[in-house]
Amino acid sequence: MVHGLRGTHHGLELIAAGIARGRVIIPDLPGFGDSEPMRGRTHDTAGYADALIELIRRLDDRGRPIVLIGHSFGSIVAARIAARVPHLVRRLVLINPISTPALAGPRVAMSKLTSAYYSLGRALPGKAGHALLSSRWVVLASSRAMTRTKDKRLREFIHDSHLRHFNRFHSPAVLSETFQASVTSTVADFADAIGMPTLLIAGEHDEIAPVAGQRELADRMADARLEVLPDVGHLVHYETPLAAAAAVERFLGTP
């Protein structure tokens, strides 16, 4: 499983817990969580794909194909891997997949503002840049903007999870590189090269990855099916993890 921007493996644990088939592995992407940054490589989709392909091969030197799952930014990385080494991916699951470029979509103004924020964080010296990018108030504002549930306890859990894990990035440079990759590439860049059975899981009220874009994405892929989860936005992994896991189980159980 491949987590999203500013995430760690913690964000996907609730979905993983509901998947009964096989062994589930959720690495922290290089430069996030407990993983060291890459040396001599840019932290973009190509760099992350290289790192994860190496991990996949290391975990099974027999080269048996896996089920690859990616959420949000992780969906772009997963799609790139599936397109590049299709013999290593037998099935692909993309949760809240990014199908339209943020700098050209309906949220372009917010995306440009966020891009400026990350650029400033990288430009500031040392601790000042890290402090800006790890601001509690910015993390909370982002969390509140993405959360759709009305359940007070669940909202508190989501905000607490973001406060604990959103700032586990190695440096402003790593975070800035990853953010730029997240707004300049999409799953659609690789859609035509993905031939294995693919499940797209969308949130009905996802403003970052709208359902309309997911329908277009599914139509472009050779063998894709789309499942839209009701009453949820971009945080399927927190708000409806059991429904997402059930969708994955059904997908893996079909021929």
C-alpha atoms as a PDB file:
ATOM      1  CA  MET A   1       0.000   0.000   0.000  1.00  0.00           C
ATOM      2  CA  VAL A   2       1.267   3.476  -0.868  1.00  0.00           C
ATOM      3  CA  HIS A   3       0.259   6.416   1.330  1.00  0.00           C
ATOM      4  CA  GLY A   4      -0.420   9.981   0.253  1.00  0.00           C
ATOM      5  CA  LEU A   5       1.297  13.362   0.579  1.00  0.00           C
ATOM      6  CA  ARG A   6       2.581  14.084   4.100  1.00  0.00           C
ATOM      7  CA  GLY A   7       1.262  10.719   5.221  1.00  0.00           C
ATOM      8  CA  THR A   8       2.891   7.652   6.746  1.00  0.00           C
ATOM      9  CA  HIS A   9       1.895   4.016   6.981  1.00  0.00           C
ATOM     10  CA  HIS A  10      -0.384   4.900   9.923  1.00  0.00           C
ATOM     11  CA  GLY A  11      -2.975   6.466   7.624  1.00  0.00           C
ATOM     12  CA  LEU A  12      -3.689   3.208   5.794  1.00  0.00           C
ATOM     13  CA  GLU A  13      -3.714   0.860   8.771  1.00  0.00           C
ATOM     14  CA  LEU A  14      -7.504   0.918   9.178  1.00  0.00           C
ATOM     15  CA  ILE A  15      -8.056  -0.248   5.603  1.00  0.00           C
ATOM     16  CA  ALA A  16      -5.273  -2.821   5.897  1.00  0.00           C
ATOM     17  CA  ALA A  17      -6.914  -4.267   9.012  1.00  0.00           C
ATOM     18  CA  GLY A  18     -10.027  -5.060   6.977  1.00  0.00           C
ATOM     19  CA  ILE A  19      -8.187  -6.911   4.208  1.00  0.00           C
ATOM     20  CA  ALA A  20      -8.058 -10.610   5.029  1.00  0.00           C
ATOM     21  CA  ARG A  21      -6.273 -11.860   1.927  1.00  0.00           C
ATOM     22  CA  GLY A  22      -2.526 -12.297   2.058  1.00  0.00           C
ATOM     23  CA  ARG A  23       0.116 -10.158   3.733  1.00  0.00           C
ATOM     24  CA  VAL A  24      -0.332  -6.382   3.707  1.00  0.00           C
ATOM     25  CA  ILE A  25       2.785  -4.205   3.669  1.00  0.00           C
ATOM     26  CA  ILE A  26       2.643  -0.409   4.094  1.00  0.00           C
ATOM     27  CA  PRO A  27       6.065   1.234   3.832  1.00  0.00           C
ATOM     28  CA  ASP A  28       6.713   4.852   4.682  1.00  0.00           C
ATOM     29  CA  LEU A  29       7.723   6.620   1.474  1.00  0.00           C
ATOM     30  CA  PRO A  30      11.365   7.791   1.470  1.00  0.00           C
ATOM     31  CA  GLY A  31      11.661  11.032   3.418  1.00  0.00           C
ATOM     32  CA  PHE A  32       8.503  10.442   5.476  1.00  0.00           C
ATOM     33  CA  GLY A  33       7.794   8.650   8.728  1.00  0.00           C
ATOM     34  CA  ASP A  34      10.585   6.236   9.609  1.00  0.00           C
ATOM     35  CA  SER A  35      12.105   6.131   6.103  1.00  0.00           C
ATOM     36  CA  GLU A  36      15.240   8.069   5.245  1.00  0.00           C
ATOM     37  CA  PRO A  37      15.145  10.353   2.195  1.00  0.00           C
ATOM     38  CA  MET A  38      16.556   9.202  -1.118  1.00  0.00           C
ATOM     39  CA  ARG A  39      20.119  10.193  -1.903  1.00  0.00           C
ATOM     40  CA  GLY A  40      20.822  11.700  -5.298  1.00  0.00           C
ATOM     41  CA  ARG A  41      17.196  11.353  -6.403  1.00  0.00           C
ATOM     42  CA  THR A  42      14.305  13.789  -6.587  1.00  0.00           C
ATOM     43  CA  HIS A  43      11.357  12.952  -4.355  1.00  0.00           C
ATOM     44  CA  ASP A  44       8.855  12.742  -7.192  1.00  0.00           C
ATOM     45  CA  THR A  45       6.720   9.972  -8.677  1.00  0.00           C
ATOM     46  CA  ALA A  46       9.656   8.552 -10.651  1.00  0.00           C
ATOM     47  CA  GLY A  47      11.911   8.470  -7.604  1.00  0.00           C
ATOM     48  CA  TYR A  48       9.278   6.899  -5.385  1.00  0.00           C
ATOM     49  CA  ALA A  49       8.387   4.354  -8.077  1.00  0.00           C
ATOM     50  CA  ASP A  50      12.050   3.316  -8.324  1.00  0.00           C
ATOM     51  CA  ALA A  51      12.285   2.910  -4.546  1.00  0.00           C
ATOM     52  CA  LEU A  52       9.102   0.848  -4.297  1.00  0.00           C
ATOM     53  CA  ILE A  53       9.938  -1.366  -7.282  1.00  0.00           C
ATOM     54  CA  GLU A  54      13.231  -2.151  -5.562  1.00  0.00           C
ATOM     55  CA  LEU A  55      11.315  -2.973  -2.364  1.00  0.00           C
ATOM     56  CA  ILE A  56       8.842  -5.224  -4.211  1.00  0.00           C
ATOM     57  CA  ARG A  57      11.701  -7.171  -5.777  1.00  0.00           C
ATOM     58  CA  ARG A  58      13.530  -7.418  -2.475  1.00  0.00           C
ATOM     59  CA  LEU A  59      10.460  -8.782  -0.688  1.00  0.00           C
ATOM     60  CA  ASP A  60      10.028 -11.567  -3.252  1.00  0.00           C
ATOM     61  CA  ASP A  61      13.032 -12.481  -5.371  1.00  0.00           C
ATOM     62  CA  ARG A  62      10.834 -14.885  -7.351  1.00  0.00           C
ATOM     63  CA  GLY A  63       9.092 -11.900  -8.918  1.00  0.00           C
ATOM     64  CA  ARG A  64       5.549 -12.989  -8.171  1.00  0.00           C
ATOM     65  CA  PRO A  65       3.045 -10.217  -9.008  1.00  0.00           C
ATOM     66  CA  ILE A  66       1.348  -8.354  -6.185  1.00  0.00           C
ATOM     67  CA  VAL A  67      -1.828  -6.408  -5.520  1.00  0.00           C
ATOM     68  CA  LEU A  68      -0.769  -2.756  -5.375  1.00  0.00           C
ATOM     69  CA  ILE A  69      -2.913  -0.213  -3.516  1.00  0.00           C
ATOM     70  CA  GLY A  70      -2.354   3.553  -3.506  1.00  0.00           C
ATOM     71  CA  HIS A  71      -4.210   6.433  -1.856  1.00  0.00           C
ATOM     72  CA  SER A  72      -4.277  10.027  -3.159  1.00  0.00           C
ATOM     73  CA  PHE A  73      -0.681  10.957  -4.121  1.00  0.00           C
ATOM     74  CA  GLY A  74       0.107   7.293  -3.557  1.00  0.00           C
ATOM     75  CA  SER A  75      -2.339   6.475  -6.350  1.00  0.00           C
ATOM     76  CA  ILE A  76      -0.108   8.344  -8.819  1.00  0.00           C
ATOM     77  CA  VAL A  77       2.983   6.477  -7.637  1.00  0.00           C
ATOM     78  CA  ALA A  78       1.121   3.154  -7.773  1.00  0.00           C
ATOM     79  CA  ALA A  79      -0.148   3.886 -11.290  1.00  0.00           C
ATOM     80  CA  ARG A  80       3.368   4.711 -12.447  1.00  0.00           C
ATOM     81  CA  ILE A  81       4.645   1.422 -11.038  1.00  0.00           C
ATOM     82  CA  ALA A  82       1.824  -0.560 -12.664  1.00  0.00           C
ATOM     83  CA  ALA A  83       2.524   1.055 -16.035  1.00  0.00           C
ATOM     84  CA  ARG A  84       6.275   0.562 -15.786  1.00  0.00           C
ATOM     85  CA  VAL A  85       6.463  -3.025 -14.460  1.00  0.00           C
ATOM     86  CA  PRO A  86       3.086  -4.631 -15.242  1.00  0.00           C
ATOM     87  CA  HIS A  87       4.579  -8.100 -14.721  1.00  0.00           C
ATOM     88  CA  LEU A  88       4.971  -7.245 -11.019  1.00  0.00           C
ATOM     89  CA  VAL A  89       1.389  -6.001 -10.488  1.00  0.00           C
ATOM     90  CA  ARG A  90      -1.486  -8.432 -10.988  1.00  0.00           C
ATOM     91  CA  ARG A  91      -4.193  -6.106  -9.658  1.00  0.00           C
ATOM     92  CA  LEU A  92      -4.277  -2.384  -8.931  1.00  0.00           C
ATOM     93  CA  VAL A  93      -6.432  -0.512  -6.407  1.00  0.00           C
ATOM     94  CA  LEU A  94      -6.506   3.297  -6.431  1.00  0.00           C
ATOM     95  CA  ILE A  95      -8.276   5.032  -3.536  1.00  0.00           C
ATOM     96  CA  ASN A  96      -9.240   8.694  -4.015  1.00  0.00           C
ATOM     97  CA  PRO A  97      -7.081   8.632  -7.169  1.00  0.00           C
ATOM     98  CA  ILE A  98      -5.779  11.935  -8.496  1.00  0.00           C
ATOM     99  CA  SER A  99      -7.173  12.127 -12.025  1.00  0.00           C
ATOM    100  CA  THR A 100      -6.882  15.846 -12.836  1.00  0.00           C
ATOM    101  CA  PRO A 101      -3.870  18.160 -12.302  1.00  0.00           C
ATOM    102  CA  ALA A 102      -4.361  20.429  -9.300  1.00  0.00           C
ATOM    103  CA  LEU A 103      -2.831  23.430 -11.093  1.00  0.00           C
ATOM    104  CA  ALA A 104      -5.358  23.155 -13.911  1.00  0.00           C
ATOM    105  CA  GLY A 105      -8.487  22.015 -12.069  1.00  0.00           C
ATOM    106  CA  PRO A 106     -11.334  23.748 -10.229  1.00  0.00           C
ATOM    107  CA  ARG A 107      -9.152  24.311  -7.141  1.00  0.00           C
ATOM    108  CA  VAL A 108      -6.373  26.053  -9.083  1.00  0.00           C
ATOM    109  CA  ALA A 109      -6.335  29.192  -6.893  1.00  0.00           C
ATOM    110  CA  MET A 110      -6.001  27.170  -3.682  1.00  0.00           C
ATOM    111  CA  SER A 111      -3.382  24.929  -5.310  1.00  0.00           C
ATOM    112  CA  LYS A 112      -1.281  27.947  -6.325  1.00  0.00           C
ATOM    113  CA  LEU A 113      -1.541  29.391  -2.811  1.00  0.00           C
ATOM    114  CA  THR A 114      -0.500  26.056  -1.317  1.00  0.00           C
ATOM    115  CA  SER A 115       2.369  25.814  -3.803  1.00  0.00           C
ATOM    116  CA  ALA A 116       3.619  29.230  -2.700  1.00  0.00           C
ATOM    117  CA  TYR A 117       3.394  28.102   0.943  1.00  0.00           C
ATOM    118  CA  TYR A 118       5.580  25.050   0.286  1.00  0.00           C
ATOM    119  CA  SER A 119       8.051  27.080  -1.774  1.00  0.00           C
ATOM    120  CA  LEU A 120       8.383  29.615   1.037  1.00  0.00           C
ATOM    121  CA  GLY A 121       8.898  26.833   3.568  1.00  0.00           C
ATOM    122  CA  ARG A 122      11.734  25.468   1.469  1.00  0.00           C
ATOM    123  CA  ALA A 123      13.311  28.902   0.947  1.00  0.00           C
ATOM    124  CA  LEU A 124      13.370  29.846   4.633  1.00  0.00           C
ATOM    125  CA  PRO A 125      16.521  28.887   6.554  1.00  0.00           C
ATOM    126  CA  GLY A 126      16.639  25.738   8.697  1.00  0.00           C
ATOM    127  CA  LYS A 127      14.228  25.654  11.593  1.00  0.00           C
ATOM    128  CA  ALA A 128      12.148  28.553  10.272  1.00  0.00           C
ATOM    129  CA  GLY A 129      11.137  26.608   7.172  1.00  0.00           C
ATOM    130  CA  HIS A 130      10.375  23.474   9.150  1.00  0.00           C
ATOM    131  CA  ALA A 131       8.321  25.467  11.658  1.00  0.00           C
ATOM    132  CA  LEU A 132       6.241  27.057   8.903  1.00  0.00           C
ATOM    133  CA  LEU A 133       5.532  23.747   7.159  1.00  0.00           C
ATOM    134  CA  SER A 134       4.703  21.964  10.411  1.00  0.00           C
ATOM    135  CA  SER A 135       2.428  24.699  11.769  1.00  0.00           C
ATOM    136  CA  ARG A 136      -0.286  23.181  13.947  1.00  0.00           C
ATOM    137  CA  TRP A 137      -2.829  25.668  12.603  1.00  0.00           C
ATOM    138  CA  VAL A 138      -2.074  24.896   8.972  1.00  0.00           C
ATOM    139  CA  VAL A 139      -2.340  21.152   9.619  1.00  0.00           C
ATOM    140  CA  LEU A 140      -5.655  21.615  11.435  1.00  0.00           C
ATOM    141  CA  ALA A 141      -7.028  23.875   8.703  1.00  0.00           C
ATOM    142  CA  SER A 142      -6.108  21.299   6.072  1.00  0.00           C
ATOM    143  CA  SER A 143      -7.610  18.484   8.119  1.00  0.00           C
ATOM    144  CA  ARG A 144     -10.866  20.351   8.695  1.00  0.00           C
ATOM    145  CA  ALA A 145     -11.149  21.257   5.012  1.00  0.00           C
ATOM    146  CA  MET A 146     -10.888  17.612   3.949  1.00  0.00           C
ATOM    147  CA  THR A 147     -13.054  16.029   6.652  1.00  0.00           C
ATOM    148  CA  ARG A 148     -16.683  15.382   5.741  1.00  0.00           C
ATOM    149  CA  THR A 149     -18.023  13.276   8.614  1.00  0.00           C
ATOM    150  CA  LYS A 150     -20.405  14.865  11.126  1.00  0.00           C
ATOM    151  CA  ASP A 151     -19.392  12.372  13.812  1.00  0.00           C
ATOM    152  CA  LYS A 152     -17.633  14.459  16.469  1.00  0.00           C
ATOM    153  CA  ARG A 153     -15.456  11.637  17.814  1.00  0.00           C
ATOM    154  CA  LEU A 154     -14.375  10.604  14.331  1.00  0.00           C
ATOM    155  CA  ARG A 155     -13.545  14.202  13.432  1.00  0.00           C
ATOM    156  CA  GLU A 156     -11.412  14.480  16.567  1.00  0.00           C
ATOM    157  CA  PHE A 157      -9.651  11.219  15.692  1.00  0.00           C
ATOM    158  CA  ILE A 158      -8.891  12.446  12.170  1.00  0.00           C
ATOM    159  CA  HIS A 159      -7.552  15.812  13.342  1.00  0.00           C
ATOM    160  CA  ASP A 160      -5.445  14.131  16.036  1.00  0.00           C
ATOM    161  CA  SER A 161      -4.046  11.660  13.496  1.00  0.00           C
ATOM    162  CA  HIS A 162      -3.061  14.485  11.162  1.00  0.00           C
ATOM    163  CA  LEU A 163      -1.435  16.430  13.995  1.00  0.00           C
ATOM    164  CA  ARG A 164       0.590  13.363  15.001  1.00  0.00           C
ATOM    165  CA  HIS A 165       1.665  12.165  11.562  1.00  0.00           C
ATOM    166  CA  PHE A 166       1.420  15.026   9.020  1.00  0.00           C
ATOM    167  CA  ASN A 167       4.678  16.567  10.218  1.00  0.00           C
ATOM    168  CA  ARG A 168       6.823  13.454   9.968  1.00  0.00           C
ATOM    169  CA  PHE A 169       8.729  14.669   6.921  1.00  0.00           C
ATOM    170  CA  HIS A 170      12.523  14.676   6.772  1.00  0.00           C
ATOM    171  CA  SER A 171      13.050  18.242   5.557  1.00  0.00           C
ATOM    172  CA  PRO A 172      11.324  21.168   3.831  1.00  0.00           C
ATOM    173  CA  ALA A 173      13.188  20.232   0.630  1.00  0.00           C
ATOM    174  CA  VAL A 174      11.766  16.691   0.619  1.00  0.00           C
ATOM    175  CA  LEU A 175       8.253  17.935   1.344  1.00  0.00           C
ATOM    176  CA  SER A 176       8.445  20.655  -1.315  1.00  0.00           C
ATOM    177  CA  GLU A 177       9.657  18.202  -3.970  1.00  0.00           C
ATOM    178  CA  THR A 178       6.871  15.772  -3.126  1.00  0.00           C
ATOM    179  CA  PHE A 179       4.225  18.478  -3.155  1.00  0.00           C
ATOM    180  CA  GLN A 180       5.337  19.723  -6.575  1.00  0.00           C
ATOM    181  CA  ALA A 181       5.100  16.159  -7.883  1.00  0.00           C
ATOM    182  CA  SER A 182       1.601  15.849  -6.421  1.00  0.00           C
ATOM    183  CA  VAL A 183       0.271  18.877  -8.319  1.00  0.00           C
ATOM    184  CA  THR A 184       2.025  18.305 -11.643  1.00  0.00           C
ATOM    185  CA  SER A 185       1.266  14.624 -12.265  1.00  0.00           C
ATOM    186  CA  THR A 186      -1.871  12.463 -12.196  1.00  0.00           C
ATOM    187  CA  VAL A 187      -2.988   8.871 -12.598  1.00  0.00           C
ATOM    188  CA  ALA A 188      -4.268   9.864 -16.045  1.00  0.00           C
ATOM    189  CA  ASP A 189      -0.643  10.248 -17.178  1.00  0.00           C
ATOM    190  CA  PHE A 190      -0.319   6.450 -16.986  1.00  0.00           C
ATOM    191  CA  ALA A 191      -3.895   5.302 -17.634  1.00  0.00           C
ATOM    192  CA  ASP A 192      -3.349   4.151 -21.213  1.00  0.00           C
ATOM    193  CA  ALA A 193      -0.484   1.869 -20.153  1.00  0.00           C
ATOM    194  CA  ILE A 194      -2.384   0.118 -17.345  1.00  0.00           C
ATOM    195  CA  GLY A 195      -3.868  -3.157 -18.518  1.00  0.00           C
ATOM    196  CA  MET A 196      -4.337  -5.211 -15.364  1.00  0.00           C
ATOM    197  CA  PRO A 197      -7.709  -5.327 -13.519  1.00  0.00           C
ATOM    198  CA  THR A 198      -8.047  -2.046 -11.629  1.00  0.00           C
ATOM    199  CA  LEU A 199     -10.427  -0.861  -8.918  1.00  0.00           C
ATOM    200  CA  LEU A 200     -11.011   2.862  -8.417  1.00  0.00           C
ATOM    201  CA  ILE A 201     -12.529   3.804  -5.051  1.00  0.00           C
ATOM    202  CA  ALA A 202     -13.892   7.355  -5.021  1.00  0.00           C
ATOM    203  CA  GLY A 203     -15.508   9.495  -2.345  1.00  0.00           C
ATOM    204  CA  GLU A 204     -18.873  10.952  -3.323  1.00  0.00           C
ATOM    205  CA  HIS A 205     -17.959  14.410  -1.999  1.00  0.00           C
ATOM    206  CA  ASP A 206     -14.233  14.422  -2.823  1.00  0.00           C
ATOM    207  CA  GLU A 207     -13.270  17.933  -3.971  1.00  0.00           C
ATOM    208  CA  ILE A 208      -9.609  17.028  -4.496  1.00  0.00           C
ATOM    209  CA  ALA A 209     -10.375  14.032  -6.719  1.00  0.00           C
ATOM    210  CA  PRO A 210     -13.954  14.590  -7.981  1.00  0.00           C
ATOM    211  CA  VAL A 211     -16.065  11.631  -9.066  1.00  0.00           C
ATOM    212  CA  ALA A 212     -16.455  13.001 -12.608  1.00  0.00           C
ATOM    213  CA  GLY A 213     -12.715  12.667 -13.109  1.00  0.00           C
ATOM    214  CA  GLN A 214     -12.796   9.110 -11.770  1.00  0.00           C
ATOM    215  CA  ARG A 215     -15.449   8.149 -14.316  1.00  0.00           C
ATOM    216  CA  GLU A 216     -13.298   9.503 -17.143  1.00  0.00           C
ATOM    217  CA  LEU A 217     -10.286   7.693 -15.726  1.00  0.00           C
ATOM    218  CA  ALA A 218     -12.148   4.379 -15.527  1.00  0.00           C
ATOM    219  CA  ASP A 219     -13.268   4.770 -19.141  1.00  0.00           C
ATOM    220  CA  ARG A 220      -9.665   5.226 -20.291  1.00  0.00           C
ATOM    221  CA  MET A 221      -8.311   2.137 -18.570  1.00  0.00           C
ATOM    222  CA  ALA A 222      -8.430  -1.255 -20.255  1.00  0.00           C
ATOM    223  CA  ASP A 223     -10.043  -3.126 -17.346  1.00  0.00           C
ATOM    224  CA  ALA A 224     -11.235  -0.751 -14.629  1.00  0.00           C
ATOM    225  CA  ARG A 225     -14.253  -0.593 -12.385  1.00  0.00           C
ATOM    226  CA  LEU A 226     -15.322   2.344 -10.233  1.00  0.00           C
ATOM    227  CA  GLU A 227     -16.893   2.173  -6.788  1.00  0.00           C
ATOM    228  CA  VAL A 228     -18.193   5.425  -5.292  1.00  0.00           C
ATOM    229  CA  LEU A 229     -18.541   5.489  -1.507  1.00  0.00           C
ATOM    230  CA  PRO A 230     -21.368   7.753  -0.279  1.00  0.00           C
ATOM    231  CA  ASP A 231     -21.101  10.595   2.246  1.00  0.00           C
ATOM    232  CA  VAL A 232     -17.311  10.796   2.214  1.00  0.00           C
ATOM    233  CA  GLY A 233     -14.684  12.997   0.607  1.00  0.00           C
ATOM    234  CA  HIS A 234     -10.920  12.583   0.216  1.00  0.00           C
ATOM    235  CA  LEU A 235     -10.392  10.822   3.543  1.00  0.00           C
ATOM    236  CA  VAL A 236     -11.841   7.418   2.686  1.00  0.00           C
ATOM    237  CA  HIS A 237      -8.980   5.806   4.635  1.00  0.00           C
ATOM    238  CA  TYR A 238     -10.140   7.504   7.844  1.00  0.00           C
ATOM    239  CA  GLU A 239     -13.881   8.030   7.414  1.00  0.00           C
ATOM    240  CA  THR A 240     -14.964   4.803   5.677  1.00  0.00           C
ATOM    241  CA  PRO A 241     -12.026   2.359   5.935  1.00  0.00           C
ATOM    242  CA  LEU A 242     -14.210  -0.719   6.411  1.00  0.00           C
ATOM    243  CA  ALA A 243     -16.262   0.085   3.309  1.00  0.00           C
ATOM    244  CA  ALA A 244     -13.044   0.568   1.348  1.00  0.00           C
ATOM    245  CA  ALA A 245     -11.603  -2.701   2.646  1.00  0.00           C
ATOM    246  CA  ALA A 246     -14.831  -4.517   1.764  1.00  0.00           C
ATOM    247  CA  ALA A 247     -14.645  -3.122  -1.772  1.00  0.00           C
ATOM    248  CA  VAL A 248     -11.067  -4.376  -2.061  1.00  0.00           C
ATOM    249  CA  GLU A 249     -12.073  -7.820  -0.788  1.00  0.00           C
ATOM    250  CA  ARG A 250     -14.884  -8.051  -3.340  1.00  0.00           C
ATOM    251  CA  PHE A 251     -12.539  -6.965  -6.107  1.00  0.00           C
ATOM    252  CA  LEU A 252      -9.924  -9.541  -5.170  1.00  0.00           C
ATOM    253  CA  GLY A 253     -12.603 -12.224  -5.017  1.00  0.00           C
ATOM    254  CA  THR A 254     -13.778 -11.701  -8.593  1.00  0.00           C
ATOM    255  CA  PRO A 255     -12.178 -13.416 -11.610  1.00  0.00           C
END
